[in-house]
Amino acid sequence: MNHQNLRAVRKKSPLKQSDISFLIGVSEDARVSHWERGRRNPSMEIKLLYHIIFGLPVDSLLSEVAMSANNEIIARLKSRIVQLESTTKDARTLNRIEFLQNVLIRLTT
């Protein structure tokens, strides 16, 4: 959930930023404004609280985080496989490479 979504979800409701700040437990309405305008990135906990308040499915919250994490892991997997392939290939290393390749296939298909 990005800042535009935070604002859009709240705007569809009758709630003001002051209502959100009270419900979330922050003392300054300006913090809600900063999140909704993209000036600050809300924590995962804040995003979760928005989801709870507005009855949004949690999987939509996690999809953004999961996609970013998935892409990061894919890049690291590729790098690690290249590193391991350039070393001595004993049985243990070959097993590690095979495992990492299987994870890569699972994440990219």
PDB file of N, CA and C in Angstrom:
ATOM      1  N   MET A   1       0.859  -1.173   0.000  1.00  0.00           N
ATOM      2  CA  MET A   1       0.000   0.000   0.000  1.00  0.00           C
ATOM      3  C   MET A   1       0.897   1.224   0.000  1.00  0.00           C
ATOM      4  N   ASN A   2       0.822   2.020  -1.055  1.00  0.00           N
ATOM      5  CA  ASN A   2       1.642   3.219  -1.127  1.00  0.00           C
ATOM      6  C   ASN A   2       0.872   4.425  -0.597  1.00  0.00           C
ATOM      7  N   HIS A   3       1.522   5.582  -0.583  1.00  0.00           N
ATOM      8  CA  HIS A   3       0.906   6.766   0.012  1.00  0.00           C
ATOM      9  C   HIS A   3      -0.374   7.185  -0.715  1.00  0.00           C
ATOM     10  N   GLN A   4      -0.420   6.998  -2.026  1.00  0.00           N
ATOM     11  CA  GLN A   4      -1.628   7.367  -2.766  1.00  0.00           C
ATOM     12  C   GLN A   4      -2.804   6.505  -2.338  1.00  0.00           C
ATOM     13  N   ASN A   5      -2.528   5.228  -2.077  1.00  0.00           N
ATOM     14  CA  ASN A   5      -3.588   4.328  -1.633  1.00  0.00           C
ATOM     15  C   ASN A   5      -4.068   4.679  -0.235  1.00  0.00           C
ATOM     16  N   LEU A   6      -3.139   5.070   0.638  1.00  0.00           N
ATOM     17  CA  LEU A   6      -3.538   5.470   1.992  1.00  0.00           C
ATOM     18  C   LEU A   6      -4.533   6.614   1.917  1.00  0.00           C
ATOM     19  N   ARG A   7      -4.204   7.605   1.126  1.00  0.00           N
ATOM     20  CA  ARG A   7      -5.073   8.772   0.981  1.00  0.00           C
ATOM     21  C   ARG A   7      -6.399   8.394   0.332  1.00  0.00           C
ATOM     22  N   ALA A   8      -6.342   7.614  -0.736  1.00  0.00           N
ATOM     23  CA  ALA A   8      -7.561   7.243  -1.463  1.00  0.00           C
ATOM     24  C   ALA A   8      -8.518   6.463  -0.571  1.00  0.00           C
ATOM     25  N   VAL A   9      -7.977   5.534   0.205  1.00  0.00           N
ATOM     26  CA  VAL A   9      -8.817   4.723   1.089  1.00  0.00           C
ATOM     27  C   VAL A   9      -9.484   5.617   2.124  1.00  0.00           C
ATOM     28  N   ARG A  10      -8.727   6.532   2.700  1.00  0.00           N
ATOM     29  CA  ARG A  10      -9.311   7.417   3.707  1.00  0.00           C
ATOM     30  C   ARG A  10     -10.344   8.345   3.085  1.00  0.00           C
ATOM     31  N   LYS A  11     -10.062   8.865   1.891  1.00  0.00           N
ATOM     32  CA  LYS A  11     -10.972   9.805   1.236  1.00  0.00           C
ATOM     33  C   LYS A  11     -12.312   9.160   0.883  1.00  0.00           C
ATOM     34  N   LYS A  12     -12.319   7.834   0.677  1.00  0.00           N
ATOM     35  CA  LYS A  12     -13.575   7.142   0.383  1.00  0.00           C
ATOM     36  C   LYS A  12     -14.441   7.011   1.633  1.00  0.00           C
ATOM     37  N   SER A  13     -13.841   7.275   2.772  1.00  0.00           N
ATOM     38  CA  SER A  13     -14.562   7.185   4.041  1.00  0.00           C
ATOM     39  C   SER A  13     -14.877   8.606   4.524  1.00  0.00           C
ATOM     40  N   PRO A  14     -15.686   8.727   5.563  1.00  0.00           N
ATOM     41  CA  PRO A  14     -15.954  10.059   6.118  1.00  0.00           C
ATOM     42  C   PRO A  14     -14.876  10.530   7.100  1.00  0.00           C
ATOM     43  N   LEU A  15     -13.823   9.746   7.286  1.00  0.00           N
ATOM     44  CA  LEU A  15     -12.822  10.065   8.297  1.00  0.00           C
ATOM     45  C   LEU A  15     -11.866  11.166   7.847  1.00  0.00           C
ATOM     46  N   LYS A  16     -11.460  11.959   8.814  1.00  0.00           N
ATOM     47  CA  LYS A  16     -10.439  12.993   8.599  1.00  0.00           C
ATOM     48  C   LYS A  16      -9.092  12.437   9.055  1.00  0.00           C
ATOM     49  N   GLN A  17      -8.044  13.144   8.704  1.00  0.00           N
ATOM     50  CA  GLN A  17      -6.710  12.733   9.135  1.00  0.00           C
ATOM     51  C   GLN A  17      -6.619  12.714  10.657  1.00  0.00           C
ATOM     52  N   SER A  18      -7.321  13.622  11.316  1.00  0.00           N
ATOM     53  CA  SER A  18      -7.299  13.647  12.781  1.00  0.00           C
ATOM     54  C   SER A  18      -7.940  12.377  13.364  1.00  0.00           C
ATOM     55  N   ASP A  19      -8.957  11.844  12.687  1.00  0.00           N
ATOM     56  CA  ASP A  19      -9.558  10.588  13.132  1.00  0.00           C
ATOM     57  C   ASP A  19      -8.547   9.447  13.012  1.00  0.00           C
ATOM     58  N   ILE A  20      -7.850   9.418  11.882  1.00  0.00           N
ATOM     59  CA  ILE A  20      -6.859   8.370  11.656  1.00  0.00           C
ATOM     60  C   ILE A  20      -5.744   8.467  12.687  1.00  0.00           C
ATOM     61  N   SER A  21      -5.242   9.667  12.924  1.00  0.00           N
ATOM     62  CA  SER A  21      -4.142   9.810  13.890  1.00  0.00           C
ATOM     63  C   SER A  21      -4.586   9.350  15.280  1.00  0.00           C
ATOM     64  N   PHE A  22      -5.830   9.647  15.654  1.00  0.00           N
ATOM     65  CA  PHE A  22      -6.336   9.198  16.948  1.00  0.00           C
ATOM     66  C   PHE A  22      -6.428   7.674  16.996  1.00  0.00           C
ATOM     67  N   LEU A  23      -7.011   7.078  15.957  1.00  0.00           N
ATOM     68  CA  LEU A  23      -7.192   5.626  15.936  1.00  0.00           C
ATOM     69  C   LEU A  23      -5.869   4.876  15.908  1.00  0.00           C
ATOM     70  N   ILE A  24      -4.900   5.428  15.192  1.00  0.00           N
ATOM     71  CA  ILE A  24      -3.589   4.782  15.076  1.00  0.00           C
ATOM     72  C   ILE A  24      -2.746   5.020  16.328  1.00  0.00           C
ATOM     73  N   GLY A  25      -3.042   6.102  17.013  1.00  0.00           N
ATOM     74  CA  GLY A  25      -2.317   6.384  18.251  1.00  0.00           C
ATOM     75  C   GLY A  25      -1.111   7.281  18.072  1.00  0.00           C
ATOM     76  N   VAL A  26      -1.164   8.154  17.055  1.00  0.00           N
ATOM     77  CA  VAL A  26      -0.091   9.140  16.900  1.00  0.00           C
ATOM     78  C   VAL A  26      -0.632  10.491  17.331  1.00  0.00           C
ATOM     79  N   SER A  27       0.217  11.272  17.928  1.00  0.00           N
ATOM     80  CA  SER A  27      -0.252  12.524  18.521  1.00  0.00           C
ATOM     81  C   SER A  27      -0.358  13.680  17.528  1.00  0.00           C
ATOM     82  N   GLU A  28       0.227  13.520  16.352  1.00  0.00           N
ATOM     83  CA  GLU A  28       0.233  14.634  15.401  1.00  0.00           C
ATOM     84  C   GLU A  28      -0.492  14.247  14.113  1.00  0.00           C
ATOM     85  N   ASP A  29      -1.494  15.056  13.738  1.00  0.00           N
ATOM     86  CA  ASP A  29      -2.200  14.817  12.486  1.00  0.00           C
ATOM     87  C   ASP A  29      -1.255  14.971  11.297  1.00  0.00           C
ATOM     88  N   ALA A  30      -0.215  15.779  11.464  1.00  0.00           N
ATOM     89  CA  ALA A  30       0.742  16.025  10.379  1.00  0.00           C
ATOM     90  C   ALA A  30       1.435  14.737   9.941  1.00  0.00           C
ATOM     91  N   ARG A  31       1.623  13.796  10.851  1.00  0.00           N
ATOM     92  CA  ARG A  31       2.258  12.531  10.480  1.00  0.00           C
ATOM     93  C   ARG A  31       1.400  11.778   9.467  1.00  0.00           C
ATOM     94  N   VAL A  32       0.089  11.779   9.665  1.00  0.00           N
ATOM     95  CA  VAL A  32      -0.819  11.130   8.722  1.00  0.00           C
ATOM     96  C   VAL A  32      -0.728  11.839   7.376  1.00  0.00           C
ATOM     97  N   SER A  33      -0.687  13.154   7.403  1.00  0.00           N
ATOM     98  CA  SER A  33      -0.552  13.926   6.165  1.00  0.00           C
ATOM     99  C   SER A  33       0.737  13.579   5.434  1.00  0.00           C
ATOM    100  N   HIS A  34       1.824  13.458   6.175  1.00  0.00           N
ATOM    101  CA  HIS A  34       3.120  13.104   5.566  1.00  0.00           C
ATOM    102  C   HIS A  34       3.073  11.723   4.931  1.00  0.00           C
ATOM    103  N   TRP A  35       2.420  10.767   5.590  1.00  0.00           N
ATOM    104  CA  TRP A  35       2.295   9.423   5.012  1.00  0.00           C
ATOM    105  C   TRP A  35       1.465   9.467   3.739  1.00  0.00           C
ATOM    106  N   GLU A  36       0.349  10.184   3.797  1.00  0.00           N
ATOM    107  CA  GLU A  36      -0.565  10.218   2.658  1.00  0.00           C
ATOM    108  C   GLU A  36       0.004  11.002   1.470  1.00  0.00           C
ATOM    109  N   ARG A  37       0.912  11.894   1.718  1.00  0.00           N
ATOM    110  CA  ARG A  37       1.525  12.674   0.636  1.00  0.00           C
ATOM    111  C   ARG A  37       2.855  12.090   0.167  1.00  0.00           C
ATOM    112  N   GLY A  38       3.294  11.030   0.825  1.00  0.00           N
ATOM    113  CA  GLY A  38       4.539  10.383   0.430  1.00  0.00           C
ATOM    114  C   GLY A  38       5.787  11.066   0.937  1.00  0.00           C
ATOM    115  N   ARG A  39       5.644  11.960   1.874  1.00  0.00           N
ATOM    116  CA  ARG A  39       6.815  12.635   2.450  1.00  0.00           C
ATOM    117  C   ARG A  39       7.552  11.739   3.428  1.00  0.00           C
ATOM    118  N   ARG A  40       6.812  10.828   4.020  1.00  0.00           N
ATOM    119  CA  ARG A  40       7.390   9.829   4.924  1.00  0.00           C
ATOM    120  C   ARG A  40       6.786   8.487   4.583  1.00  0.00           C
ATOM    121  N   ASN A  41       7.567   7.448   4.781  1.00  0.00           N
ATOM    122  CA  ASN A  41       7.085   6.106   4.515  1.00  0.00           C
ATOM    123  C   ASN A  41       6.554   5.513   5.820  1.00  0.00           C
ATOM    124  N   PRO A  42       5.270   5.161   5.860  1.00  0.00           N
ATOM    125  CA  PRO A  42       4.744   4.589   7.100  1.00  0.00           C
ATOM    126  C   PRO A  42       5.317   3.195   7.335  1.00  0.00           C
ATOM    127  N   SER A  43       5.428   2.847   8.589  1.00  0.00           N
ATOM    128  CA  SER A  43       5.916   1.514   8.943  1.00  0.00           C
ATOM    129  C   SER A  43       4.893   0.468   8.523  1.00  0.00           C
ATOM    130  N   MET A  44       5.318  -0.764   8.523  1.00  0.00           N
ATOM    131  CA  MET A  44       4.414  -1.862   8.206  1.00  0.00           C
ATOM    132  C   MET A  44       3.264  -1.896   9.215  1.00  0.00           C
ATOM    133  N   GLU A  45       3.554  -1.567  10.455  1.00  0.00           N
ATOM    134  CA  GLU A  45       2.510  -1.547  11.481  1.00  0.00           C
ATOM    135  C   GLU A  45       1.436  -0.505  11.147  1.00  0.00           C
ATOM    136  N   ILE A  46       1.841   0.659  10.693  1.00  0.00           N
ATOM    137  CA  ILE A  46       0.882   1.711  10.327  1.00  0.00           C
ATOM    138  C   ILE A  46       0.039   1.253   9.151  1.00  0.00           C
ATOM    139  N   LYS A  47       0.666   0.647   8.164  1.00  0.00           N
ATOM    140  CA  LYS A  47      -0.088   0.133   7.010  1.00  0.00           C
ATOM    141  C   LYS A  47      -1.084  -0.931   7.455  1.00  0.00           C
ATOM    142  N   LEU A  48      -0.665  -1.776   8.371  1.00  0.00           N
ATOM    143  CA  LEU A  48      -1.557  -2.813   8.887  1.00  0.00           C
ATOM    144  C   LEU A  48      -2.749  -2.176   9.608  1.00  0.00           C
ATOM    145  N   LEU A  49      -2.501  -1.122  10.359  1.00  0.00           N
ATOM    146  CA  LEU A  49      -3.592  -0.446  11.061  1.00  0.00           C
ATOM    147  C   LEU A  49      -4.600   0.155  10.076  1.00  0.00           C
ATOM    148  N   TYR A  50      -4.112   0.723   8.971  1.00  0.00           N
ATOM    149  CA  TYR A  50      -5.023   1.208   7.919  1.00  0.00           C
ATOM    150  C   TYR A  50      -5.881   0.049   7.402  1.00  0.00           C
ATOM    151  N   HIS A  51      -5.251  -1.085   7.183  1.00  0.00           N
ATOM    152  CA  HIS A  51      -5.980  -2.246   6.687  1.00  0.00           C
ATOM    153  C   HIS A  51      -7.057  -2.687   7.673  1.00  0.00           C
ATOM    154  N   ILE A  52      -6.745  -2.649   8.947  1.00  0.00           N
ATOM    155  CA  ILE A  52      -7.711  -3.041   9.970  1.00  0.00           C
ATOM    156  C   ILE A  52      -8.858  -2.038  10.021  1.00  0.00           C
ATOM    157  N   ILE A  53      -8.537  -0.757  10.037  1.00  0.00           N
ATOM    158  CA  ILE A  53      -9.570   0.287  10.136  1.00  0.00           C
ATOM    159  C   ILE A  53     -10.538   0.208   8.961  1.00  0.00           C
ATOM    160  N   PHE A  54     -10.003   0.025   7.764  1.00  0.00           N
ATOM    161  CA  PHE A  54     -10.844   0.077   6.568  1.00  0.00           C
ATOM    162  C   PHE A  54     -11.271  -1.294   6.058  1.00  0.00           C
ATOM    163  N   GLY A  55     -10.935  -2.351   6.787  1.00  0.00           N
ATOM    164  CA  GLY A  55     -11.366  -3.687   6.420  1.00  0.00           C
ATOM    165  C   GLY A  55     -10.796  -4.191   5.115  1.00  0.00           C
ATOM    166  N   LEU A  56      -9.548  -3.812   4.839  1.00  0.00           N
ATOM    167  CA  LEU A  56      -8.893  -4.232   3.602  1.00  0.00           C
ATOM    168  C   LEU A  56      -8.243  -5.594   3.800  1.00  0.00           C
ATOM    169  N   PRO A  57      -8.187  -6.403   2.756  1.00  0.00           N
ATOM    170  CA  PRO A  57      -7.528  -7.703   2.899  1.00  0.00           C
ATOM    171  C   PRO A  57      -6.027  -7.526   3.117  1.00  0.00           C
ATOM    172  N   VAL A  58      -5.506  -8.269   4.067  1.00  0.00           N
ATOM    173  CA  VAL A  58      -4.088  -8.145   4.418  1.00  0.00           C
ATOM    174  C   VAL A  58      -3.192  -8.577   3.265  1.00  0.00           C
ATOM    175  N   ASP A  59      -3.667  -9.495   2.415  1.00  0.00           N
ATOM    176  CA  ASP A  59      -2.814  -9.938   1.315  1.00  0.00           C
ATOM    177  C   ASP A  59      -2.468  -8.799   0.365  1.00  0.00           C
ATOM    178  N   SER A  60      -3.342  -7.795   0.237  1.00  0.00           N
ATOM    179  CA  SER A  60      -3.001  -6.654  -0.608  1.00  0.00           C
ATOM    180  C   SER A  60      -1.895  -5.818   0.032  1.00  0.00           C
ATOM    181  N   LEU A  61      -1.856  -5.785   1.338  1.00  0.00           N
ATOM    182  CA  LEU A  61      -0.782  -5.101   2.057  1.00  0.00           C
ATOM    183  C   LEU A  61       0.531  -5.822   1.843  1.00  0.00           C
ATOM    184  N   LEU A  62       0.484  -7.123   1.939  1.00  0.00           N
ATOM    185  CA  LEU A  62       1.704  -7.904   1.846  1.00  0.00           C
ATOM    186  C   LEU A  62       2.202  -8.069   0.420  1.00  0.00           C
ATOM    187  N   SER A  63       1.322  -7.925  -0.561  1.00  0.00           N
ATOM    188  CA  SER A  63       1.735  -8.154  -1.943  1.00  0.00           C
ATOM    189  C   SER A  63       2.839  -7.199  -2.370  1.00  0.00           C
ATOM    190  N   GLU A  64       2.751  -5.942  -1.951  1.00  0.00           N
ATOM    191  CA  GLU A  64       3.788  -4.956  -2.296  1.00  0.00           C
ATOM    192  C   GLU A  64       5.126  -5.335  -1.655  1.00  0.00           C
ATOM    193  N   VAL A  65       5.086  -5.699  -0.401  1.00  0.00           N
ATOM    194  CA  VAL A  65       6.295  -6.088   0.320  1.00  0.00           C
ATOM    195  C   VAL A  65       6.850  -7.391  -0.242  1.00  0.00           C
ATOM    196  N   ALA A  66       5.961  -8.333  -0.512  1.00  0.00           N
ATOM    197  CA  ALA A  66       6.384  -9.630  -1.036  1.00  0.00           C
ATOM    198  C   ALA A  66       7.040  -9.495  -2.407  1.00  0.00           C
ATOM    199  N   MET A  67       6.500  -8.656  -3.269  1.00  0.00           N
ATOM    200  CA  MET A  67       7.068  -8.481  -4.596  1.00  0.00           C
ATOM    201  C   MET A  67       8.471  -7.894  -4.505  1.00  0.00           C
ATOM    202  N   SER A  68       8.648  -6.922  -3.657  1.00  0.00           N
ATOM    203  CA  SER A  68       9.962  -6.314  -3.479  1.00  0.00           C
ATOM    204  C   SER A  68      10.954  -7.332  -2.916  1.00  0.00           C
ATOM    205  N   ALA A  69      10.533  -8.080  -1.903  1.00  0.00           N
ATOM    206  CA  ALA A  69      11.401  -9.089  -1.302  1.00  0.00           C
ATOM    207  C   ALA A  69      11.730 -10.183  -2.306  1.00  0.00           C
ATOM    208  N   ASN A  70      10.742 -10.590  -3.095  1.00  0.00           N
ATOM    209  CA  ASN A  70      10.947 -11.620  -4.107  1.00  0.00           C
ATOM    210  C   ASN A  70      12.008 -11.177  -5.114  1.00  0.00           C
ATOM    211  N   ASN A  71      11.904  -9.950  -5.592  1.00  0.00           N
ATOM    212  CA  ASN A  71      12.875  -9.435  -6.561  1.00  0.00           C
ATOM    213  C   ASN A  71      14.280  -9.347  -5.968  1.00  0.00           C
ATOM    214  N   GLU A  72      14.350  -8.956  -4.714  1.00  0.00           N
ATOM    215  CA  GLU A  72      15.645  -8.862  -4.033  1.00  0.00           C
ATOM    216  C   GLU A  72      16.276 -10.247  -3.886  1.00  0.00           C
ATOM    217  N   ILE A  73      15.478 -11.226  -3.496  1.00  0.00           N
ATOM    218  CA  ILE A  73      15.990 -12.585  -3.326  1.00  0.00           C
ATOM    219  C   ILE A  73      16.431 -13.166  -4.666  1.00  0.00           C
ATOM    220  N   ILE A  74      15.666 -12.925  -5.722  1.00  0.00           N
ATOM    221  CA  ILE A  74      16.042 -13.417  -7.052  1.00  0.00           C
ATOM    222  C   ILE A  74      17.412 -12.883  -7.452  1.00  0.00           C
ATOM    223  N   ALA A  75      17.626 -11.600  -7.264  1.00  0.00           N
ATOM    224  CA  ALA A  75      18.916 -11.002  -7.613  1.00  0.00           C
ATOM    225  C   ALA A  75      20.046 -11.617  -6.788  1.00  0.00           C
ATOM    226  N   ARG A  76      19.795 -11.817  -5.507  1.00  0.00           N
ATOM    227  CA  ARG A  76      20.826 -12.396  -4.643  1.00  0.00           C
ATOM    228  C   ARG A  76      21.085 -13.868  -4.971  1.00  0.00           C
ATOM    229  N   LEU A  77      20.024 -14.591  -5.319  1.00  0.00           N
ATOM    230  CA  LEU A  77      20.189 -15.992  -5.720  1.00  0.00           C
ATOM    231  C   LEU A  77      21.100 -16.095  -6.941  1.00  0.00           C
ATOM    232  N   LYS A  78      20.820 -15.275  -7.939  1.00  0.00           N
ATOM    233  CA  LYS A  78      21.623 -15.298  -9.170  1.00  0.00           C
ATOM    234  C   LYS A  78      23.083 -14.998  -8.859  1.00  0.00           C
ATOM    235  N   SER A  79      23.309 -14.008  -8.028  1.00  0.00           N
ATOM    236  CA  SER A  79      24.671 -13.628  -7.659  1.00  0.00           C
ATOM    237  C   SER A  79      25.369 -14.752  -6.902  1.00  0.00           C
ATOM    238  N   ARG A  80      24.654 -15.371  -5.974  1.00  0.00           N
ATOM    239  CA  ARG A  80      25.260 -16.442  -5.173  1.00  0.00           C
ATOM    240  C   ARG A  80      25.573 -17.661  -6.036  1.00  0.00           C
ATOM    241  N   ILE A  81      24.691 -17.987  -6.965  1.00  0.00           N
ATOM    242  CA  ILE A  81      24.936 -19.119  -7.863  1.00  0.00           C
ATOM    243  C   ILE A  81      26.193 -18.870  -8.680  1.00  0.00           C
ATOM    244  N   VAL A  82      26.339 -17.673  -9.210  1.00  0.00           N
ATOM    245  CA  VAL A  82      27.539 -17.327  -9.980  1.00  0.00           C
ATOM    246  C   VAL A  82      28.784 -17.452  -9.111  1.00  0.00           C
ATOM    247  N   GLN A  83      28.709 -16.962  -7.882  1.00  0.00           N
ATOM    248  CA  GLN A  83      29.846 -17.061  -6.966  1.00  0.00           C
ATOM    249  C   GLN A  83      30.227 -18.515  -6.720  1.00  0.00           C
ATOM    250  N   LEU A  84      29.233 -19.332  -6.426  1.00  0.00           N
ATOM    251  CA  LEU A  84      29.510 -20.735  -6.116  1.00  0.00           C
ATOM    252  C   LEU A  84      30.012 -21.505  -7.330  1.00  0.00           C
ATOM    253  N   GLU A  85      29.524 -21.163  -8.500  1.00  0.00           N
ATOM    254  CA  GLU A  85      29.965 -21.842  -9.712  1.00  0.00           C
ATOM    255  C   GLU A  85      31.422 -21.530 -10.052  1.00  0.00           C
ATOM    256  N   SER A  86      31.933 -20.436  -9.511  1.00  0.00           N
ATOM    257  CA  SER A  86      33.325 -20.076  -9.780  1.00  0.00           C
ATOM    258  C   SER A  86      34.287 -20.668  -8.757  1.00  0.00           C
ATOM    259  N   THR A  87      33.765 -21.427  -7.784  1.00  0.00           N
ATOM    260  CA  THR A  87      34.612 -22.054  -6.770  1.00  0.00           C
ATOM    261  C   THR A  87      34.812 -23.526  -7.104  1.00  0.00           C
ATOM    262  N   THR A  88      35.587 -24.183  -6.281  1.00  0.00           N
ATOM    263  CA  THR A  88      35.780 -25.627  -6.421  1.00  0.00           C
ATOM    264  C   THR A  88      34.442 -26.323  -6.230  1.00  0.00           C
ATOM    265  N   LYS A  89      34.121 -27.209  -7.129  1.00  0.00           N
ATOM    266  CA  LYS A  89      32.806 -27.842  -7.096  1.00  0.00           C
ATOM    267  C   LYS A  89      32.861 -29.226  -6.459  1.00  0.00           C
ATOM    268  N   ASP A  90      32.945 -29.254  -5.147  1.00  0.00           N
ATOM    269  CA  ASP A  90      32.837 -30.532  -4.449  1.00  0.00           C
ATOM    270  C   ASP A  90      31.346 -30.886  -4.333  1.00  0.00           C
ATOM    271  N   ALA A  91      31.041 -32.034  -3.771  1.00  0.00           N
ATOM    272  CA  ALA A  91      29.659 -32.503  -3.699  1.00  0.00           C
ATOM    273  C   ALA A  91      28.761 -31.545  -2.909  1.00  0.00           C
ATOM    274  N   ARG A  92      29.278 -31.024  -1.831  1.00  0.00           N
ATOM    275  CA  ARG A  92      28.495 -30.099  -0.997  1.00  0.00           C
ATOM    276  C   ARG A  92      28.163 -28.827  -1.763  1.00  0.00           C
ATOM    277  N   THR A  93      29.139 -28.268  -2.462  1.00  0.00           N
ATOM    278  CA  THR A  93      28.910 -27.046  -3.240  1.00  0.00           C
ATOM    279  C   THR A  93      27.915 -27.307  -4.364  1.00  0.00           C
ATOM    280  N   LEU A  94      28.040 -28.442  -5.027  1.00  0.00           N
ATOM    281  CA  LEU A  94      27.099 -28.782  -6.094  1.00  0.00           C
ATOM    282  C   LEU A  94      25.670 -28.900  -5.553  1.00  0.00           C
ATOM    283  N   ASN A  95      25.529 -29.459  -4.365  1.00  0.00           N
ATOM    284  CA  ASN A  95      24.208 -29.552  -3.726  1.00  0.00           C
ATOM    285  C   ASN A  95      23.652 -28.166  -3.419  1.00  0.00           C
ATOM    286  N   ARG A  96      24.506 -27.299  -2.944  1.00  0.00           N
ATOM    287  CA  ARG A  96      24.081 -25.926  -2.651  1.00  0.00           C
ATOM    288  C   ARG A  96      23.630 -25.219  -3.923  1.00  0.00           C
ATOM    289  N   ILE A  97      24.415 -25.363  -4.991  1.00  0.00           N
ATOM    290  CA  ILE A  97      24.060 -24.744  -6.274  1.00  0.00           C
ATOM    291  C   ILE A  97      22.725 -25.276  -6.767  1.00  0.00           C
ATOM    292  N   GLU A  98      22.551 -26.587  -6.699  1.00  0.00           N
ATOM    293  CA  GLU A  98      21.296 -27.187  -7.154  1.00  0.00           C
ATOM    294  C   GLU A  98      20.106 -26.678  -6.349  1.00  0.00           C
ATOM    295  N   PHE A  99      20.279 -26.592  -5.045  1.00  0.00           N
ATOM    296  CA  PHE A  99      19.208 -26.084  -4.191  1.00  0.00           C
ATOM    297  C   PHE A  99      18.862 -24.648  -4.568  1.00  0.00           C
ATOM    298  N   LEU A 100      19.885 -23.799  -4.700  1.00  0.00           N
ATOM    299  CA  LEU A 100      19.654 -22.393  -5.045  1.00  0.00           C
ATOM    300  C   LEU A 100      19.000 -22.252  -6.418  1.00  0.00           C
ATOM    301  N   GLN A 101      19.396 -23.083  -7.367  1.00  0.00           N
ATOM    302  CA  GLN A 101      18.774 -23.050  -8.693  1.00  0.00           C
ATOM    303  C   GLN A 101      17.302 -23.443  -8.617  1.00  0.00           C
ATOM    304  N   ASN A 102      16.977 -24.422  -7.788  1.00  0.00           N
ATOM    305  CA  ASN A 102      15.580 -24.818  -7.614  1.00  0.00           C
ATOM    306  C   ASN A 102      14.748 -23.704  -6.986  1.00  0.00           C
ATOM    307  N   VAL A 103      15.320 -23.015  -6.021  1.00  0.00           N
ATOM    308  CA  VAL A 103      14.623 -21.876  -5.413  1.00  0.00           C
ATOM    309  C   VAL A 103      14.398 -20.801  -6.477  1.00  0.00           C
ATOM    310  N   LEU A 104      15.417 -20.534  -7.277  1.00  0.00           N
ATOM    311  CA  LEU A 104      15.317 -19.525  -8.338  1.00  0.00           C
ATOM    312  C   LEU A 104      14.211 -19.898  -9.322  1.00  0.00           C
ATOM    313  N   ILE A 105      14.164 -21.143  -9.729  1.00  0.00           N
ATOM    314  CA  ILE A 105      13.118 -21.596 -10.660  1.00  0.00           C
ATOM    315  C   ILE A 105      11.735 -21.401 -10.042  1.00  0.00           C
ATOM    316  N   ARG A 106      11.611 -21.777  -8.778  1.00  0.00           N
ATOM    317  CA  ARG A 106      10.311 -21.628  -8.089  1.00  0.00           C
ATOM    318  C   ARG A 106       9.872 -20.173  -8.033  1.00  0.00           C
ATOM    319  N   LEU A 107      10.803 -19.278  -7.794  1.00  0.00           N
ATOM    320  CA  LEU A 107      10.453 -17.862  -7.650  1.00  0.00           C
ATOM    321  C   LEU A 107      10.212 -17.156  -8.983  1.00  0.00           C
ATOM    322  N   THR A 108      10.729 -17.716 -10.051  1.00  0.00           N
ATOM    323  CA  THR A 108      10.601 -17.033 -11.349  1.00  0.00           C
ATOM    324  C   THR A 108       9.566 -17.670 -12.270  1.00  0.00           C
ATOM    325  N   THR A 109       8.920 -18.726 -11.818  1.00  0.00           N
ATOM    326  CA  THR A 109       7.877 -19.335 -12.660  1.00  0.00           C
ATOM    327  C   THR A 109       6.513 -19.202 -12.047  1.00  0.00           C
TER     328      THR A 109
END
